[in-house]
Amino acid sequence: MRTWIAGAGLCCVVLLGHAQQHEAPPPVPSAVPLDSTPAAVQAPQQEAPETAPQTVTVTATSDAKAPRVRFTAYEESYQTAKKVWEVSKGSVVMALRLIPAKLNATISDVRVALKGNGAPIPVKVSDGGVFVVPLNADVAAQDGIFLVNKEKGELTASMVIQPAVGQDAWNVTRIAQVLHDAKRAVRAITPWYKKPFAKEVQSLAFCTAEQGSALQLVEGEQLIATLPMNEPAVNDINMPVFCKIFDGEDKYPGHYRMVLPEQTTVLLL
C-alpha cells in the first residue's frame, strides 16, 4: 500500500524528502525485534498479540562491501514502524520504498544497512527498492542511522504499509481483520493536521504481474470458487499488476481459505 498521508492518490505515502540530510532524533527506550522482509511480506501465519515481536532473519552478501553513506536517521522510522506493528497487532508492517532523486541514480543494485554503535546490520531490500523497517530498540537508542551504497542525495523514500500474513494463511475472516487493522494503523500514524486530507485503506488485493491468473476459494479440500485476478492496479513500486480485490464486506463464510498462485503479492489499496 502506498499511503499518501497528505492525501494524494488511492493510499497514503509519507515522503521523506531529502532524507539523507536529516539529523538523528533523541534515543528511544523500548525493544521489539523485527526483521527485514521483501515487499511481499512473509510474516508469521498467526496474528500476533499487540506486544509480540515479529521474528526475522537478516542475511548479508559476503562478497559485497557494507554500505557507507548516511541515508537517514533511524529513530523516527523506528517509532512509526513500532506504532504500526502495535496498533495493528502484527497484521501489517511499515516498509520504506527507495526512490531515485537524481536522473543517474539506480535502485537495482541498492543495499541498505542499519548502523548503531556496533557493526552495520544488513537489511534485505526487495526488487524495486522496498524494505521492511526493522524494529531494533537498541539501535534506536544509539541514534542509529540507515546507510546506503549510494552517493549523498541520490535517493529519497516513501512509506509503504504492507500486510504481514503468510501466503497460506489467508481466509475471508483474515482479509476483513487485516483491512480493519491497517485502517487503524494508518489513522494512528497520520498527524492530526493531515487527517482531513488523508485517504484511508479501501481494499486488500491479491495480485500477479501477468493477467490470466486466478485464486481459489476452498473449504477444507473442496473447491468452492475460482476467482479471476483481472482487475488492474499498481503495486508498491508503481508497476501495473492484475488483482482480485476484496473490500472486507464479502459475503463468503469467514472460514473459506484462499489458495494463491505462485508469485502472488498482497497489497493494501
C-alpha atoms as a PDB file:
ATOM      1  CA  MET A   1       0.000   0.000   0.000  1.00  0.00           C
ATOM      2  CA  ARG A   2       1.223   3.412  -0.887  1.00  0.00           C
ATOM      3  CA  THR A   3      -0.134   5.586   1.923  1.00  0.00           C
ATOM      4  CA  TRP A   4      -0.258   9.274   0.967  1.00  0.00           C
ATOM      5  CA  ILE A   5      -0.615  10.684   4.447  1.00  0.00           C
ATOM      6  CA  ALA A   6      -1.016  14.064   2.782  1.00  0.00           C
ATOM      7  CA  GLY A   7      -3.981  12.618   0.947  1.00  0.00           C
ATOM      8  CA  ALA A   8      -2.969  12.148  -2.704  1.00  0.00           C
ATOM      9  CA  GLY A   9      -3.862   9.059  -4.706  1.00  0.00           C
ATOM     10  CA  LEU A  10      -5.629   5.915  -3.507  1.00  0.00           C
ATOM     11  CA  CYS A  11      -3.453   5.312  -0.500  1.00  0.00           C
ATOM     12  CA  CYS A  12      -1.258   7.222   1.979  1.00  0.00           C
ATOM     13  CA  VAL A  13       2.581   7.826   1.428  1.00  0.00           C
ATOM     14  CA  VAL A  14       4.832   9.974   3.582  1.00  0.00           C
ATOM     15  CA  LEU A  15       7.705  11.367   1.531  1.00  0.00           C
ATOM     16  CA  LEU A  16      10.889  11.686   3.494  1.00  0.00           C
ATOM     17  CA  GLY A  17      12.173  14.321   1.072  1.00  0.00           C
ATOM     18  CA  HIS A  18      15.926  14.712   1.203  1.00  0.00           C
ATOM     19  CA  ALA A  19      16.237  12.005   3.773  1.00  0.00           C
ATOM     20  CA  GLN A  20      19.995  11.786   3.654  1.00  0.00           C
ATOM     21  CA  GLN A  21      20.272  15.206   5.277  1.00  0.00           C
ATOM     22  CA  HIS A  22      18.115  14.550   8.375  1.00  0.00           C
ATOM     23  CA  GLU A  23      19.629  14.610  11.834  1.00  0.00           C
ATOM     24  CA  ALA A  24      19.074  11.708  14.222  1.00  0.00           C
ATOM     25  CA  PRO A  25      16.355  12.371  16.832  1.00  0.00           C
ATOM     26  CA  PRO A  26      16.813  11.531  20.517  1.00  0.00           C
ATOM     27  CA  PRO A  27      17.039   7.875  21.552  1.00  0.00           C
ATOM     28  CA  VAL A  28      14.097   5.688  22.499  1.00  0.00           C
ATOM     29  CA  PRO A  29      13.961   3.151  25.241  1.00  0.00           C
ATOM     30  CA  SER A  30      11.994   0.011  24.271  1.00  0.00           C
ATOM     31  CA  ALA A  31      12.926  -3.064  22.233  1.00  0.00           C
ATOM     32  CA  VAL A  32      10.821  -5.010  19.747  1.00  0.00           C
ATOM     33  CA  PRO A  33      12.940  -7.071  17.316  1.00  0.00           C
ATOM     34  CA  LEU A  34      11.671  -7.121  13.755  1.00  0.00           C
ATOM     35  CA  ASP A  35      13.422  -8.415  10.699  1.00  0.00           C
ATOM     36  CA  SER A  36      13.510  -7.075   7.200  1.00  0.00           C
ATOM     37  CA  THR A  37      11.499  -8.967   4.604  1.00  0.00           C
ATOM     38  CA  PRO A  38      10.708  -8.464   0.912  1.00  0.00           C
ATOM     39  CA  ALA A  39       7.870  -6.324  -0.392  1.00  0.00           C
ATOM     40  CA  ALA A  40       5.590  -9.337  -0.464  1.00  0.00           C
ATOM     41  CA  VAL A  41       5.922  -9.835   3.278  1.00  0.00           C
ATOM     42  CA  GLN A  42       6.161 -13.368   4.563  1.00  0.00           C
ATOM     43  CA  ALA A  43       5.350 -12.959   8.256  1.00  0.00           C
ATOM     44  CA  PRO A  44       4.120 -15.364  10.925  1.00  0.00           C
ATOM     45  CA  GLN A  45       0.877 -17.076   9.990  1.00  0.00           C
ATOM     46  CA  GLN A  46      -0.791 -16.417  13.333  1.00  0.00           C
ATOM     47  CA  GLU A  47      -1.891 -12.910  14.185  1.00  0.00           C
ATOM     48  CA  ALA A  48       0.467 -11.686  16.884  1.00  0.00           C
ATOM     49  CA  PRO A  49      -0.582 -10.161  20.202  1.00  0.00           C
ATOM     50  CA  GLU A  50      -0.151  -6.432  20.473  1.00  0.00           C
ATOM     51  CA  THR A  51       3.189  -6.653  22.252  1.00  0.00           C
ATOM     52  CA  ALA A  52       4.573  -9.718  20.491  1.00  0.00           C
ATOM     53  CA  PRO A  53       7.742  -9.288  18.389  1.00  0.00           C
ATOM     54  CA  GLN A  54       7.956 -10.268  14.745  1.00  0.00           C
ATOM     55  CA  THR A  55      10.663 -12.823  14.136  1.00  0.00           C
ATOM     56  CA  VAL A  56      13.124 -12.067  11.366  1.00  0.00           C
ATOM     57  CA  THR A  57      16.172 -13.434   9.644  1.00  0.00           C
ATOM     58  CA  VAL A  58      18.553 -10.969   8.026  1.00  0.00           C
ATOM     59  CA  THR A  59      21.117 -12.234   5.570  1.00  0.00           C
ATOM     60  CA  ALA A  60      24.118 -10.448   4.130  1.00  0.00           C
ATOM     61  CA  THR A  61      26.077 -10.897   0.933  1.00  0.00           C
ATOM     62  CA  SER A  62      29.601 -11.877   1.882  1.00  0.00           C
ATOM     63  CA  ASP A  63      31.208 -10.523  -1.300  1.00  0.00           C
ATOM     64  CA  ALA A  64      29.703  -7.026  -1.009  1.00  0.00           C
ATOM     65  CA  LYS A  65      31.126  -4.151   0.995  1.00  0.00           C
ATOM     66  CA  ALA A  66      28.856  -2.745   3.674  1.00  0.00           C
ATOM     67  CA  PRO A  67      27.012   0.448   2.688  1.00  0.00           C
ATOM     68  CA  ARG A  68      28.833   3.521   3.997  1.00  0.00           C
ATOM     69  CA  VAL A  69      26.755   6.600   3.106  1.00  0.00           C
ATOM     70  CA  ARG A  70      24.296   8.019   5.639  1.00  0.00           C
ATOM     71  CA  PHE A  71      20.769   7.937   4.237  1.00  0.00           C
ATOM     72  CA  THR A  72      18.546   8.979   7.142  1.00  0.00           C
ATOM     73  CA  ALA A  73      18.154   8.782  10.902  1.00  0.00           C
ATOM     74  CA  TYR A  74      16.566   5.562  12.133  1.00  0.00           C
ATOM     75  CA  GLU A  75      14.673   6.620  15.257  1.00  0.00           C
ATOM     76  CA  GLU A  76      11.745   8.328  13.534  1.00  0.00           C
ATOM     77  CA  SER A  77      11.170   5.351  11.238  1.00  0.00           C
ATOM     78  CA  TYR A  78      11.526   3.035  14.231  1.00  0.00           C
ATOM     79  CA  GLN A  79       8.850   4.888  16.208  1.00  0.00           C
ATOM     80  CA  THR A  80       6.414   4.871  13.275  1.00  0.00           C
ATOM     81  CA  ALA A  81       7.058   1.220  12.421  1.00  0.00           C
ATOM     82  CA  LYS A  82       6.633   0.242  16.071  1.00  0.00           C
ATOM     83  CA  LYS A  83       3.293   2.056  16.263  1.00  0.00           C
ATOM     84  CA  VAL A  84       2.093   0.366  13.060  1.00  0.00           C
ATOM     85  CA  TRP A  85       3.053  -3.036  14.466  1.00  0.00           C
ATOM     86  CA  GLU A  86       1.434  -2.459  17.847  1.00  0.00           C
ATOM     87  CA  VAL A  87      -1.774  -0.785  16.659  1.00  0.00           C
ATOM     88  CA  SER A  88      -2.355  -3.461  14.004  1.00  0.00           C
ATOM     89  CA  LYS A  89      -1.434  -6.268  16.437  1.00  0.00           C
ATOM     90  CA  GLY A  90       1.039  -7.589  13.904  1.00  0.00           C
ATOM     91  CA  SER A  91      -1.349  -7.628  10.930  1.00  0.00           C
ATOM     92  CA  VAL A  92       0.639  -5.071   8.952  1.00  0.00           C
ATOM     93  CA  VAL A  93       4.166  -3.671   8.877  1.00  0.00           C
ATOM     94  CA  MET A  94       5.794  -0.461   7.727  1.00  0.00           C
ATOM     95  CA  ALA A  95       8.255  -0.502   4.857  1.00  0.00           C
ATOM     96  CA  LEU A  96      10.234   2.155   3.016  1.00  0.00           C
ATOM     97  CA  ARG A  97      10.386   2.382  -0.746  1.00  0.00           C
ATOM     98  CA  LEU A  98      13.627   3.885  -2.018  1.00  0.00           C
ATOM     99  CA  ILE A  99      13.165   6.264  -4.955  1.00  0.00           C
ATOM    100  CA  PRO A 100      15.845   7.808  -7.210  1.00  0.00           C
ATOM    101  CA  ALA A 101      16.177  11.533  -6.516  1.00  0.00           C
ATOM    102  CA  LYS A 102      18.615  12.112  -9.400  1.00  0.00           C
ATOM    103  CA  LEU A 103      18.449  11.102 -13.045  1.00  0.00           C
ATOM    104  CA  ASN A 104      21.568   8.934 -12.822  1.00  0.00           C
ATOM    105  CA  ALA A 105      20.503   7.126  -9.620  1.00  0.00           C
ATOM    106  CA  THR A 106      19.662   3.414  -9.810  1.00  0.00           C
ATOM    107  CA  ILE A 107      17.705   1.132  -7.496  1.00  0.00           C
ATOM    108  CA  SER A 108      18.501  -2.322  -8.880  1.00  0.00           C
ATOM    109  CA  ASP A 109      21.827  -2.553  -7.034  1.00  0.00           C
ATOM    110  CA  VAL A 110      20.864  -0.710  -3.850  1.00  0.00           C
ATOM    111  CA  ARG A 111      21.936  -2.098  -0.485  1.00  0.00           C
ATOM    112  CA  VAL A 112      20.874  -0.897   2.969  1.00  0.00           C
ATOM    113  CA  ALA A 113      22.323  -1.382   6.451  1.00  0.00           C
ATOM    114  CA  LEU A 114      21.246  -0.268   9.921  1.00  0.00           C
ATOM    115  CA  LYS A 115      24.054   1.227  12.000  1.00  0.00           C
ATOM    116  CA  GLY A 116      24.204   1.954  15.710  1.00  0.00           C
ATOM    117  CA  ASN A 117      27.257   1.746  17.930  1.00  0.00           C
ATOM    118  CA  GLY A 118      28.204  -1.659  16.562  1.00  0.00           C
ATOM    119  CA  ALA A 119      28.797  -3.129  13.139  1.00  0.00           C
ATOM    120  CA  PRO A 120      26.262  -2.323  10.391  1.00  0.00           C
ATOM    121  CA  ILE A 121      23.336  -4.768  10.241  1.00  0.00           C
ATOM    122  CA  PRO A 122      22.355  -5.673   6.646  1.00  0.00           C
ATOM    123  CA  VAL A 123      18.707  -5.025   5.761  1.00  0.00           C
ATOM    124  CA  LYS A 124      17.178  -7.075   2.970  1.00  0.00           C
ATOM    125  CA  VAL A 125      15.848  -4.970   0.079  1.00  0.00           C
ATOM    126  CA  SER A 126      13.357  -6.417  -2.393  1.00  0.00           C
ATOM    127  CA  ASP A 127      13.220  -5.820  -6.125  1.00  0.00           C
ATOM    128  CA  GLY A 128      12.164  -2.252  -6.671  1.00  0.00           C
ATOM    129  CA  GLY A 129      13.927  -0.958  -3.563  1.00  0.00           C
ATOM    130  CA  VAL A 130      11.429  -1.775  -0.792  1.00  0.00           C
ATOM    131  CA  PHE A 131      12.474  -2.908   2.682  1.00  0.00           C
ATOM    132  CA  VAL A 132      10.547  -3.520   5.889  1.00  0.00           C
ATOM    133  CA  VAL A 133      11.775  -1.224   8.673  1.00  0.00           C
ATOM    134  CA  PRO A 134      13.422  -3.380  11.366  1.00  0.00           C
ATOM    135  CA  LEU A 135      12.364  -2.837  14.967  1.00  0.00           C
ATOM    136  CA  ASN A 136      15.553  -2.612  16.994  1.00  0.00           C
ATOM    137  CA  ALA A 137      15.191  -0.557  20.177  1.00  0.00           C
ATOM    138  CA  ASP A 138      18.913  -0.770  20.981  1.00  0.00           C
ATOM    139  CA  VAL A 139      19.945   0.825  17.689  1.00  0.00           C
ATOM    140  CA  ALA A 140      17.202   3.454  18.027  1.00  0.00           C
ATOM    141  CA  ALA A 141      18.545   4.370  21.473  1.00  0.00           C
ATOM    142  CA  GLN A 142      22.030   4.706  19.974  1.00  0.00           C
ATOM    143  CA  ASP A 143      20.946   7.400  17.492  1.00  0.00           C
ATOM    144  CA  GLY A 144      21.099   4.785  14.757  1.00  0.00           C
ATOM    145  CA  ILE A 145      21.116   5.576  11.051  1.00  0.00           C
ATOM    146  CA  PHE A 146      20.352   3.834   7.777  1.00  0.00           C
ATOM    147  CA  LEU A 147      23.313   3.508   5.420  1.00  0.00           C
ATOM    148  CA  VAL A 148      23.142   3.015   1.640  1.00  0.00           C
ATOM    149  CA  ASN A 149      25.660   2.214  -1.077  1.00  0.00           C
ATOM    150  CA  LYS A 150      24.768   5.406  -2.985  1.00  0.00           C
ATOM    151  CA  GLU A 151      26.063   8.939  -3.042  1.00  0.00           C
ATOM    152  CA  LYS A 152      24.510  11.534  -0.774  1.00  0.00           C
ATOM    153  CA  GLY A 153      21.291  12.943  -2.237  1.00  0.00           C
ATOM    154  CA  GLU A 154      20.794  10.171  -4.820  1.00  0.00           C
ATOM    155  CA  LEU A 155      17.783   8.631  -3.074  1.00  0.00           C
ATOM    156  CA  THR A 156      14.639   9.668  -1.280  1.00  0.00           C
ATOM    157  CA  ALA A 157      11.937   7.390   0.164  1.00  0.00           C
ATOM    158  CA  SER A 158       8.216   6.982   0.698  1.00  0.00           C
ATOM    159  CA  MET A 159       6.387   4.969   3.322  1.00  0.00           C
ATOM    160  CA  VAL A 160       4.542   1.768   2.458  1.00  0.00           C
ATOM    161  CA  ILE A 161       2.141  -0.241   4.639  1.00  0.00           C
ATOM    162  CA  GLN A 162       2.087  -3.968   3.863  1.00  0.00           C
ATOM    163  CA  PRO A 163       0.151  -6.992   5.115  1.00  0.00           C
ATOM    164  CA  ALA A 164       2.158  -9.299   7.392  1.00  0.00           C
ATOM    165  CA  VAL A 165       0.361 -12.591   6.791  1.00  0.00           C
ATOM    166  CA  GLY A 166       1.802 -15.780   5.322  1.00  0.00           C
ATOM    167  CA  GLN A 167       0.706 -16.679   1.793  1.00  0.00           C
ATOM    168  CA  ASP A 168      -1.029 -19.847   3.000  1.00  0.00           C
ATOM    169  CA  ALA A 169      -2.779 -18.188   5.971  1.00  0.00           C
ATOM    170  CA  TRP A 170      -5.410 -16.148   4.161  1.00  0.00           C
ATOM    171  CA  ASN A 171      -9.115 -16.720   4.628  1.00  0.00           C
ATOM    172  CA  VAL A 172     -12.158 -14.455   4.352  1.00  0.00           C
ATOM    173  CA  THR A 173     -12.085 -13.520   8.043  1.00  0.00           C
ATOM    174  CA  ARG A 174      -8.371 -12.676   7.899  1.00  0.00           C
ATOM    175  CA  ILE A 175      -8.924 -10.330   4.941  1.00  0.00           C
ATOM    176  CA  ALA A 176     -11.514  -8.315   6.880  1.00  0.00           C
ATOM    177  CA  GLN A 177      -9.306  -8.253  10.000  1.00  0.00           C
ATOM    178  CA  VAL A 178      -6.200  -7.058   8.149  1.00  0.00           C
ATOM    179  CA  LEU A 179      -8.192  -4.303   6.463  1.00  0.00           C
ATOM    180  CA  HIS A 180      -9.570  -3.188   9.835  1.00  0.00           C
ATOM    181  CA  ASP A 181      -6.116  -3.253  11.444  1.00  0.00           C
ATOM    182  CA  ALA A 182      -4.469  -1.448   8.520  1.00  0.00           C
ATOM    183  CA  LYS A 183      -7.011   1.358   8.689  1.00  0.00           C
ATOM    184  CA  ARG A 184      -6.395   1.752  12.420  1.00  0.00           C
ATOM    185  CA  ALA A 185      -2.624   1.799  11.884  1.00  0.00           C
ATOM    186  CA  VAL A 186      -2.796   4.465   9.156  1.00  0.00           C
ATOM    187  CA  ARG A 187      -5.015   6.656  11.346  1.00  0.00           C
ATOM    188  CA  ALA A 188      -2.602   6.225  14.251  1.00  0.00           C
ATOM    189  CA  ILE A 189       0.423   7.458  12.280  1.00  0.00           C
ATOM    190  CA  THR A 190      -1.353  10.292  10.441  1.00  0.00           C
ATOM    191  CA  PRO A 191      -0.760  13.697  12.082  1.00  0.00           C
ATOM    192  CA  TRP A 192      -3.990  15.407  13.170  1.00  0.00           C
ATOM    193  CA  TYR A 193      -3.492  18.281  10.751  1.00  0.00           C
ATOM    194  CA  LYS A 194      -3.367  15.860   7.797  1.00  0.00           C
ATOM    195  CA  LYS A 195      -6.334  13.697   8.800  1.00  0.00           C
ATOM    196  CA  PRO A 196      -8.926  15.750   6.826  1.00  0.00           C
ATOM    197  CA  PHE A 197      -6.962  15.107   3.623  1.00  0.00           C
ATOM    198  CA  ALA A 198      -5.776  11.550   4.247  1.00  0.00           C
ATOM    199  CA  LYS A 199      -7.099   8.676   2.161  1.00  0.00           C
ATOM    200  CA  GLU A 200      -7.897   5.509   4.089  1.00  0.00           C
ATOM    201  CA  VAL A 201      -7.111   1.968   3.089  1.00  0.00           C
ATOM    202  CA  GLN A 202     -10.065   0.822   0.997  1.00  0.00           C
ATOM    203  CA  SER A 203      -9.295  -2.740  -0.036  1.00  0.00           C
ATOM    204  CA  LEU A 204      -6.923  -5.693   0.003  1.00  0.00           C
ATOM    205  CA  ALA A 205      -5.780  -7.165  -3.303  1.00  0.00           C
ATOM    206  CA  PHE A 206      -4.155 -10.435  -4.372  1.00  0.00           C
ATOM    207  CA  CYS A 207      -2.124  -9.585  -7.467  1.00  0.00           C
ATOM    208  CA  THR A 208       0.175 -11.014 -10.133  1.00  0.00           C
ATOM    209  CA  ALA A 209       2.221  -9.350 -12.836  1.00  0.00           C
ATOM    210  CA  GLU A 210       0.511 -11.242 -15.659  1.00  0.00           C
ATOM    211  CA  GLN A 211      -3.187 -11.273 -16.454  1.00  0.00           C
ATOM    212  CA  GLY A 212      -4.952 -14.639 -16.507  1.00  0.00           C
ATOM    213  CA  SER A 213      -4.215 -15.994 -13.030  1.00  0.00           C
ATOM    214  CA  ALA A 214      -6.914 -16.904 -10.522  1.00  0.00           C
ATOM    215  CA  LEU A 215      -7.088 -17.662  -6.833  1.00  0.00           C
ATOM    216  CA  GLN A 216      -9.151 -20.499  -5.443  1.00  0.00           C
ATOM    217  CA  LEU A 217     -11.660 -20.279  -2.625  1.00  0.00           C
ATOM    218  CA  VAL A 218     -11.766 -23.589  -0.749  1.00  0.00           C
ATOM    219  CA  GLU A 219     -13.466 -25.188   2.239  1.00  0.00           C
ATOM    220  CA  GLY A 220     -11.252 -27.953   3.550  1.00  0.00           C
ATOM    221  CA  GLU A 221     -10.326 -29.854   0.394  1.00  0.00           C
ATOM    222  CA  GLN A 222     -13.409 -28.777  -1.548  1.00  0.00           C
ATOM    223  CA  LEU A 223     -13.106 -26.103  -4.239  1.00  0.00           C
ATOM    224  CA  ILE A 224     -15.861 -23.529  -3.744  1.00  0.00           C
ATOM    225  CA  ALA A 225     -14.997 -20.973  -6.440  1.00  0.00           C
ATOM    226  CA  THR A 226     -12.271 -19.863  -8.819  1.00  0.00           C
ATOM    227  CA  LEU A 227     -11.813 -16.093  -8.677  1.00  0.00           C
ATOM    228  CA  PRO A 228     -10.068 -14.420 -11.654  1.00  0.00           C
ATOM    229  CA  MET A 229      -7.309 -11.909 -10.884  1.00  0.00           C
ATOM    230  CA  ASN A 230      -8.032  -9.460 -13.694  1.00  0.00           C
ATOM    231  CA  GLU A 231      -8.670  -6.074 -12.028  1.00  0.00           C
ATOM    232  CA  PRO A 232      -5.885  -3.591 -12.947  1.00  0.00           C
ATOM    233  CA  ALA A 233      -3.939  -1.866 -10.175  1.00  0.00           C
ATOM    234  CA  VAL A 234      -0.393  -0.755  -9.388  1.00  0.00           C
ATOM    235  CA  ASN A 235       1.848  -2.343  -6.779  1.00  0.00           C
ATOM    236  CA  ASP A 236       4.085  -0.773  -4.120  1.00  0.00           C
ATOM    237  CA  ILE A 237       6.660   0.261  -6.752  1.00  0.00           C
ATOM    238  CA  ASN A 238       4.016   1.654  -9.130  1.00  0.00           C
ATOM    239  CA  MET A 239       4.227  -1.244 -11.573  1.00  0.00           C
ATOM    240  CA  PRO A 240       0.989  -2.484 -13.220  1.00  0.00           C
ATOM    241  CA  VAL A 241      -0.494  -5.685 -11.801  1.00  0.00           C
ATOM    242  CA  PHE A 242      -3.714  -7.679 -12.131  1.00  0.00           C
ATOM    243  CA  CYS A 243      -5.656  -8.411  -8.981  1.00  0.00           C
ATOM    244  CA  LYS A 244      -8.614  -9.916  -7.203  1.00  0.00           C
ATOM    245  CA  ILE A 245      -9.709  -7.091  -4.904  1.00  0.00           C
ATOM    246  CA  PHE A 246     -11.632  -7.518  -1.634  1.00  0.00           C
ATOM    247  CA  ASP A 247     -13.281  -4.710   0.332  1.00  0.00           C
ATOM    248  CA  GLY A 248     -13.779  -6.661   3.574  1.00  0.00           C
ATOM    249  CA  GLU A 249     -17.550  -6.838   3.101  1.00  0.00           C
ATOM    250  CA  ASP A 250     -17.525 -10.054   1.090  1.00  0.00           C
ATOM    251  CA  LYS A 251     -20.401 -12.454   1.745  1.00  0.00           C
ATOM    252  CA  TYR A 252     -18.396 -15.656   1.742  1.00  0.00           C
ATOM    253  CA  PRO A 253     -18.209 -17.578   5.048  1.00  0.00           C
ATOM    254  CA  GLY A 254     -15.227 -16.457   7.105  1.00  0.00           C
ATOM    255  CA  HIS A 255     -13.514 -19.863   7.230  1.00  0.00           C
ATOM    256  CA  TYR A 256     -13.194 -20.163   3.431  1.00  0.00           C
ATOM    257  CA  ARG A 257      -9.488 -20.199   2.593  1.00  0.00           C
ATOM    258  CA  MET A 258      -7.596 -18.568  -0.283  1.00  0.00           C
ATOM    259  CA  VAL A 259      -5.220 -20.697  -2.347  1.00  0.00           C
ATOM    260  CA  LEU A 260      -2.914 -18.268  -4.128  1.00  0.00           C
ATOM    261  CA  PRO A 261      -0.948 -18.766  -7.351  1.00  0.00           C
ATOM    262  CA  GLU A 262       2.842 -18.623  -7.154  1.00  0.00           C
ATOM    263  CA  GLN A 263       4.338 -15.130  -7.314  1.00  0.00           C
ATOM    264  CA  THR A 264       1.227 -13.556  -5.816  1.00  0.00           C
ATOM    265  CA  THR A 265       1.741 -10.298  -3.948  1.00  0.00           C
ATOM    266  CA  VAL A 266      -0.772  -8.944  -1.434  1.00  0.00           C
ATOM    267  CA  LEU A 267      -1.386  -5.202  -1.478  1.00  0.00           C
ATOM    268  CA  LEU A 268      -3.345  -2.687   0.559  1.00  0.00           C
ATOM    269  CA  LEU A 269      -5.076  -0.239  -1.763  1.00  0.00           C
END
